[in-house]
Amino acid sequence: MTAGSAVTVSGISVELSHADKVFFPDSGITKGDLVGYYRAMAGRMLPYLRDRPLVMARYPDGITGERIFQKNVPRYFPDRLTVEQRKDGRGDRVYSDVMRNAYAQTVVAPYTVRARPGARVATPLSWEELKEPGLTPGRFTLRTIGERLDQLGRSDPWAGLGRRRYGLARASQRLEKLAAREP
């Protein structure tokens, strides 16, 4: 992708400025490379993002520049994007993640490129993959994730994850049963 390129998605064309701007200096990955990656990964990512509130951590000058943590939608965003005001309640469900259990923590969407050297990718893993020796956070990057996905084919290590949800009443019952088993 070159500077001044147009990107067309679902029949909508968007002008991409500075596509040759380097965002990851250690690996030479550009803004255009990043846009190309997200276009290629959209089919895998969107099911995890659908009907979820989003926050953007933006790095307009690359990962060595200033980070902008954006929760509000700027006026220049197209009207076709749906925007909802922040909700007061979250219903009767709670997602508990011991690694992200602090005030105002957000969750990184699967297949998101992280703002780390090498353009590491947040990658869903199977239980078997977690046992592999040498597994490191930098194993899958924007440039290497394609090989892994080719091996997986259409399968998804997190398929069915949404079916394992529990309402608060059921989760509370499960916790009580587990607590009763402890000596």
C-alpha atoms as a PDB file:
ATOM      1  CA  MET A   1       0.000   0.000   0.000  1.00  0.00           C
ATOM      2  CA  THR A   2       1.413   3.374  -0.948  1.00  0.00           C
ATOM      3  CA  ALA A   3       0.911   6.913   0.366  1.00  0.00           C
ATOM      4  CA  GLY A   4      -2.416   8.333  -0.710  1.00  0.00           C
ATOM      5  CA  SER A   5      -3.916   4.867  -1.272  1.00  0.00           C
ATOM      6  CA  ALA A   6      -7.636   4.344  -1.167  1.00  0.00           C
ATOM      7  CA  VAL A   7      -9.057   1.442   0.819  1.00  0.00           C
ATOM      8  CA  THR A   8     -12.446   0.072  -0.197  1.00  0.00           C
ATOM      9  CA  VAL A   9     -14.481  -1.993   2.258  1.00  0.00           C
ATOM     10  CA  SER A  10     -18.067  -3.082   1.572  1.00  0.00           C
ATOM     11  CA  GLY A  11     -18.235  -0.648  -1.328  1.00  0.00           C
ATOM     12  CA  ILE A  12     -17.107   2.321   0.779  1.00  0.00           C
ATOM     13  CA  SER A  13     -13.848   3.958  -0.243  1.00  0.00           C
ATOM     14  CA  VAL A  14     -11.655   5.690   2.342  1.00  0.00           C
ATOM     15  CA  GLU A  15      -8.531   7.657   1.487  1.00  0.00           C
ATOM     16  CA  LEU A  16      -5.493   6.456   3.460  1.00  0.00           C
ATOM     17  CA  SER A  17      -2.888   9.140   4.073  1.00  0.00           C
ATOM     18  CA  HIS A  18       0.751   8.392   4.894  1.00  0.00           C
ATOM     19  CA  ALA A  19       0.472   4.650   4.240  1.00  0.00           C
ATOM     20  CA  ASP A  20       4.281   4.474   4.115  1.00  0.00           C
ATOM     21  CA  LYS A  21       4.699   5.926   7.638  1.00  0.00           C
ATOM     22  CA  VAL A  22       6.671   3.447   9.765  1.00  0.00           C
ATOM     23  CA  PHE A  23       4.714   2.417  12.872  1.00  0.00           C
ATOM     24  CA  PHE A  24       7.050  -0.360  14.088  1.00  0.00           C
ATOM     25  CA  PRO A  25      10.637   0.879  13.571  1.00  0.00           C
ATOM     26  CA  ASP A  26      12.308  -2.376  14.663  1.00  0.00           C
ATOM     27  CA  SER A  27      10.609  -4.361  11.897  1.00  0.00           C
ATOM     28  CA  GLY A  28       9.799  -1.647   9.342  1.00  0.00           C
ATOM     29  CA  ILE A  29       6.054  -2.280   9.513  1.00  0.00           C
ATOM     30  CA  THR A  30       4.116   0.664   8.101  1.00  0.00           C
ATOM     31  CA  LYS A  31       0.642   2.112   8.526  1.00  0.00           C
ATOM     32  CA  GLY A  32      -0.235   0.527   5.170  1.00  0.00           C
ATOM     33  CA  ASP A  33       0.975  -2.886   6.378  1.00  0.00           C
ATOM     34  CA  LEU A  34      -1.203  -2.514   9.477  1.00  0.00           C
ATOM     35  CA  VAL A  35      -4.273  -1.556   7.440  1.00  0.00           C
ATOM     36  CA  GLY A  36      -3.648  -4.508   5.124  1.00  0.00           C
ATOM     37  CA  TYR A  37      -3.386  -6.852   8.106  1.00  0.00           C
ATOM     38  CA  TYR A  38      -6.690  -5.684   9.590  1.00  0.00           C
ATOM     39  CA  ARG A  39      -8.425  -6.002   6.218  1.00  0.00           C
ATOM     40  CA  ALA A  40      -7.176  -9.593   5.948  1.00  0.00           C
ATOM     41  CA  MET A  41      -8.110 -10.425   9.572  1.00  0.00           C
ATOM     42  CA  ALA A  42     -11.540  -8.789   9.664  1.00  0.00           C
ATOM     43  CA  GLY A  43     -13.384 -12.080   9.185  1.00  0.00           C
ATOM     44  CA  ARG A  44     -11.673 -13.612  12.208  1.00  0.00           C
ATOM     45  CA  MET A  45     -11.836 -10.497  14.419  1.00  0.00           C
ATOM     46  CA  LEU A  46     -15.326  -9.127  13.859  1.00  0.00           C
ATOM     47  CA  PRO A  47     -17.224 -11.983  15.546  1.00  0.00           C
ATOM     48  CA  TYR A  48     -15.374 -11.127  18.791  1.00  0.00           C
ATOM     49  CA  LEU A  49     -16.060  -7.391  18.430  1.00  0.00           C
ATOM     50  CA  ARG A  50     -19.713  -7.474  17.432  1.00  0.00           C
ATOM     51  CA  ASP A  51     -22.017  -5.787  19.980  1.00  0.00           C
ATOM     52  CA  ARG A  52     -19.112  -4.848  22.247  1.00  0.00           C
ATOM     53  CA  PRO A  53     -18.039  -1.374  23.335  1.00  0.00           C
ATOM     54  CA  LEU A  54     -14.685  -0.448  21.822  1.00  0.00           C
ATOM     55  CA  VAL A  55     -11.801   1.715  22.957  1.00  0.00           C
ATOM     56  CA  MET A  56      -8.887   2.667  20.734  1.00  0.00           C
ATOM     57  CA  ALA A  57      -5.289   2.999  21.847  1.00  0.00           C
ATOM     58  CA  ARG A  58      -3.916   5.076  18.987  1.00  0.00           C
ATOM     59  CA  TYR A  59      -0.283   5.706  18.098  1.00  0.00           C
ATOM     60  CA  PRO A  60      -0.404   8.275  15.268  1.00  0.00           C
ATOM     61  CA  ASP A  61       3.418   8.469  15.129  1.00  0.00           C
ATOM     62  CA  GLY A  62       4.080   4.755  15.628  1.00  0.00           C
ATOM     63  CA  ILE A  63       4.709   2.756  18.783  1.00  0.00           C
ATOM     64  CA  THR A  64       7.609   4.961  19.873  1.00  0.00           C
ATOM     65  CA  GLY A  65       5.385   8.067  19.792  1.00  0.00           C
ATOM     66  CA  GLU A  66       2.628   9.316  22.042  1.00  0.00           C
ATOM     67  CA  ARG A  67      -0.313   7.022  22.832  1.00  0.00           C
ATOM     68  CA  ILE A  68      -3.824   8.429  22.629  1.00  0.00           C
ATOM     69  CA  PHE A  69      -6.399   6.404  24.559  1.00  0.00           C
ATOM     70  CA  GLN A  70      -9.678   7.189  22.832  1.00  0.00           C
ATOM     71  CA  LYS A  71     -13.060   6.224  24.278  1.00  0.00           C
ATOM     72  CA  ASN A  72     -15.189   8.886  22.590  1.00  0.00           C
ATOM     73  CA  VAL A  73     -16.079   8.963  18.919  1.00  0.00           C
ATOM     74  CA  PRO A  74     -14.643  11.993  17.113  1.00  0.00           C
ATOM     75  CA  ARG A  75     -16.937  14.155  14.981  1.00  0.00           C
ATOM     76  CA  TYR A  76     -15.159  13.139  11.791  1.00  0.00           C
ATOM     77  CA  PHE A  77     -16.207   9.482  12.136  1.00  0.00           C
ATOM     78  CA  PRO A  78     -18.789   8.525   9.499  1.00  0.00           C
ATOM     79  CA  ASP A  79     -22.463   8.527  10.438  1.00  0.00           C
ATOM     80  CA  ARG A  80     -22.783   4.889   9.368  1.00  0.00           C
ATOM     81  CA  LEU A  81     -20.947   3.789  12.526  1.00  0.00           C
ATOM     82  CA  THR A  82     -23.304   3.030  15.382  1.00  0.00           C
ATOM     83  CA  VAL A  83     -22.585   4.897  18.586  1.00  0.00           C
ATOM     84  CA  GLU A  84     -24.258   4.232  21.928  1.00  0.00           C
ATOM     85  CA  GLN A  85     -23.945   6.241  25.167  1.00  0.00           C
ATOM     86  CA  ARG A  86     -22.170   4.454  28.008  1.00  0.00           C
ATOM     87  CA  LYS A  87     -24.619   2.161  29.792  1.00  0.00           C
ATOM     88  CA  ASP A  88     -25.267   2.508  33.530  1.00  0.00           C
ATOM     89  CA  GLY A  89     -25.619  -1.197  34.180  1.00  0.00           C
ATOM     90  CA  ARG A  90     -24.186  -4.379  32.718  1.00  0.00           C
ATOM     91  CA  GLY A  91     -27.178  -6.609  33.218  1.00  0.00           C
ATOM     92  CA  ASP A  92     -26.867  -9.755  35.288  1.00  0.00           C
ATOM     93  CA  ARG A  93     -23.541 -10.965  33.919  1.00  0.00           C
ATOM     94  CA  VAL A  94     -19.964 -10.414  35.002  1.00  0.00           C
ATOM     95  CA  TYR A  95     -16.867 -11.399  33.079  1.00  0.00           C
ATOM     96  CA  SER A  96     -14.064 -12.195  35.486  1.00  0.00           C
ATOM     97  CA  ASP A  97     -10.473 -12.270  34.252  1.00  0.00           C
ATOM     98  CA  VAL A  98      -7.838 -12.516  36.965  1.00  0.00           C
ATOM     99  CA  MET A  99      -5.190 -10.964  34.727  1.00  0.00           C
ATOM    100  CA  ARG A 100      -7.258  -7.833  34.018  1.00  0.00           C
ATOM    101  CA  ASN A 101      -8.932  -7.344  37.377  1.00  0.00           C
ATOM    102  CA  ALA A 102      -8.345  -3.650  38.094  1.00  0.00           C
ATOM    103  CA  TYR A 103     -10.253  -0.415  37.720  1.00  0.00           C
ATOM    104  CA  ALA A 104     -10.833   0.710  34.108  1.00  0.00           C
ATOM    105  CA  GLN A 105      -9.012  -2.285  32.587  1.00  0.00           C
ATOM    106  CA  THR A 106      -9.915  -3.173  29.039  1.00  0.00           C
ATOM    107  CA  VAL A 107      -9.597  -6.452  27.183  1.00  0.00           C
ATOM    108  CA  VAL A 108      -7.502  -6.766  24.051  1.00  0.00           C
ATOM    109  CA  ALA A 109      -9.525  -8.162  21.161  1.00  0.00           C
ATOM    110  CA  PRO A 110      -8.295 -11.404  19.591  1.00  0.00           C
ATOM    111  CA  TYR A 111      -5.901 -10.888  16.670  1.00  0.00           C
ATOM    112  CA  THR A 112      -5.226  -7.265  17.610  1.00  0.00           C
ATOM    113  CA  VAL A 113      -1.721  -6.039  16.819  1.00  0.00           C
ATOM    114  CA  ARG A 114      -0.110  -4.936  20.084  1.00  0.00           C
ATOM    115  CA  ALA A 115       1.979  -1.774  20.339  1.00  0.00           C
ATOM    116  CA  ARG A 116       5.117  -3.789  21.092  1.00  0.00           C
ATOM    117  CA  PRO A 117       8.320  -4.316  19.101  1.00  0.00           C
ATOM    118  CA  GLY A 118       7.800  -6.807  16.313  1.00  0.00           C
ATOM    119  CA  ALA A 119       4.046  -6.066  16.020  1.00  0.00           C
ATOM    120  CA  ARG A 120       2.999  -8.931  18.290  1.00  0.00           C
ATOM    121  CA  VAL A 121      -0.528 -10.241  17.791  1.00  0.00           C
ATOM    122  CA  ALA A 122      -2.954 -11.128  20.601  1.00  0.00           C
ATOM    123  CA  THR A 123      -3.643 -14.705  19.569  1.00  0.00           C
ATOM    124  CA  PRO A 124      -6.330 -17.104  20.809  1.00  0.00           C
ATOM    125  CA  LEU A 125      -4.667 -20.368  21.806  1.00  0.00           C
ATOM    126  CA  SER A 126      -5.924 -23.881  22.392  1.00  0.00           C
ATOM    127  CA  TRP A 127      -5.165 -25.710  25.654  1.00  0.00           C
ATOM    128  CA  GLU A 128      -2.683 -27.906  23.768  1.00  0.00           C
ATOM    129  CA  GLU A 129      -0.775 -24.866  22.478  1.00  0.00           C
ATOM    130  CA  LEU A 130      -0.397 -23.546  26.025  1.00  0.00           C
ATOM    131  CA  LYS A 131       1.641 -26.661  26.862  1.00  0.00           C
ATOM    132  CA  GLU A 132       4.161 -26.078  24.047  1.00  0.00           C
ATOM    133  CA  PRO A 133       7.693 -25.401  25.265  1.00  0.00           C
ATOM    134  CA  GLY A 134       9.080 -22.108  24.087  1.00  0.00           C
ATOM    135  CA  LEU A 135       5.710 -20.386  23.848  1.00  0.00           C
ATOM    136  CA  THR A 136       6.335 -16.659  24.332  1.00  0.00           C
ATOM    137  CA  PRO A 137       4.210 -13.502  23.926  1.00  0.00           C
ATOM    138  CA  GLY A 138       6.253 -12.572  20.860  1.00  0.00           C
ATOM    139  CA  ARG A 139       5.744 -15.860  19.027  1.00  0.00           C
ATOM    140  CA  PHE A 140       2.945 -14.587  16.805  1.00  0.00           C
ATOM    141  CA  THR A 141       3.408 -11.294  14.993  1.00  0.00           C
ATOM    142  CA  LEU A 142       1.772  -9.438  12.140  1.00  0.00           C
ATOM    143  CA  ARG A 143       4.232 -11.212   9.819  1.00  0.00           C
ATOM    144  CA  THR A 144       4.020 -14.725  11.322  1.00  0.00           C
ATOM    145  CA  ILE A 145       0.363 -15.132  12.309  1.00  0.00           C
ATOM    146  CA  GLY A 146      -0.628 -16.062   8.746  1.00  0.00           C
ATOM    147  CA  GLU A 147       1.355 -19.315   8.870  1.00  0.00           C
ATOM    148  CA  ARG A 148      -0.385 -20.350  12.089  1.00  0.00           C
ATOM    149  CA  LEU A 149      -3.801 -19.495  10.685  1.00  0.00           C
ATOM    150  CA  ASP A 150      -3.028 -21.495   7.533  1.00  0.00           C
ATOM    151  CA  GLN A 151      -2.357 -24.500   9.786  1.00  0.00           C
ATOM    152  CA  LEU A 152      -5.631 -23.963  11.664  1.00  0.00           C
ATOM    153  CA  GLY A 153      -7.667 -23.544   8.497  1.00  0.00           C
ATOM    154  CA  ARG A 154     -11.199 -22.412   9.344  1.00  0.00           C
ATOM    155  CA  SER A 155     -11.025 -23.774  12.895  1.00  0.00           C
ATOM    156  CA  ASP A 156     -11.009 -21.398  15.839  1.00  0.00           C
ATOM    157  CA  PRO A 157      -9.371 -22.300  19.185  1.00  0.00           C
ATOM    158  CA  TRP A 158     -12.063 -20.284  20.948  1.00  0.00           C
ATOM    159  CA  ALA A 159     -15.042 -21.712  19.072  1.00  0.00           C
ATOM    160  CA  GLY A 160     -17.965 -22.073  21.441  1.00  0.00           C
ATOM    161  CA  LEU A 161     -16.508 -19.749  24.069  1.00  0.00           C
ATOM    162  CA  GLY A 162     -19.763 -17.789  24.197  1.00  0.00           C
ATOM    163  CA  ARG A 163     -21.694 -20.957  25.091  1.00  0.00           C
ATOM    164  CA  ARG A 164     -19.772 -21.216  28.367  1.00  0.00           C
ATOM    165  CA  ARG A 165     -21.349 -18.121  29.899  1.00  0.00           C
ATOM    166  CA  TYR A 166     -23.116 -18.229  33.222  1.00  0.00           C
ATOM    167  CA  GLY A 167     -25.567 -15.791  34.746  1.00  0.00           C
ATOM    168  CA  LEU A 168     -24.694 -14.502  38.218  1.00  0.00           C
ATOM    169  CA  ALA A 169     -27.020 -16.940  39.983  1.00  0.00           C
ATOM    170  CA  ARG A 170     -25.473 -19.976  38.277  1.00  0.00           C
ATOM    171  CA  ALA A 171     -21.922 -18.661  38.746  1.00  0.00           C
ATOM    172  CA  SER A 172     -22.628 -18.083  42.436  1.00  0.00           C
ATOM    173  CA  GLN A 173     -23.911 -21.668  42.788  1.00  0.00           C
ATOM    174  CA  ARG A 174     -20.790 -23.024  41.090  1.00  0.00           C
ATOM    175  CA  LEU A 175     -18.551 -20.989  43.401  1.00  0.00           C
ATOM    176  CA  GLU A 176     -20.431 -22.241  46.457  1.00  0.00           C
ATOM    177  CA  LYS A 177     -19.986 -25.859  45.329  1.00  0.00           C
ATOM    178  CA  LEU A 178     -16.275 -25.319  44.762  1.00  0.00           C
ATOM    179  CA  ALA A 179     -15.881 -23.656  48.156  1.00  0.00           C
ATOM    180  CA  ALA A 180     -17.695 -26.533  49.854  1.00  0.00           C
ATOM    181  CA  ARG A 181     -15.146 -29.009  48.418  1.00  0.00           C
ATOM    182  CA  GLU A 182     -12.146 -27.183  49.894  1.00  0.00           C
ATOM    183  CA  PRO A 183     -10.809 -28.669  53.172  1.00  0.00           C
END
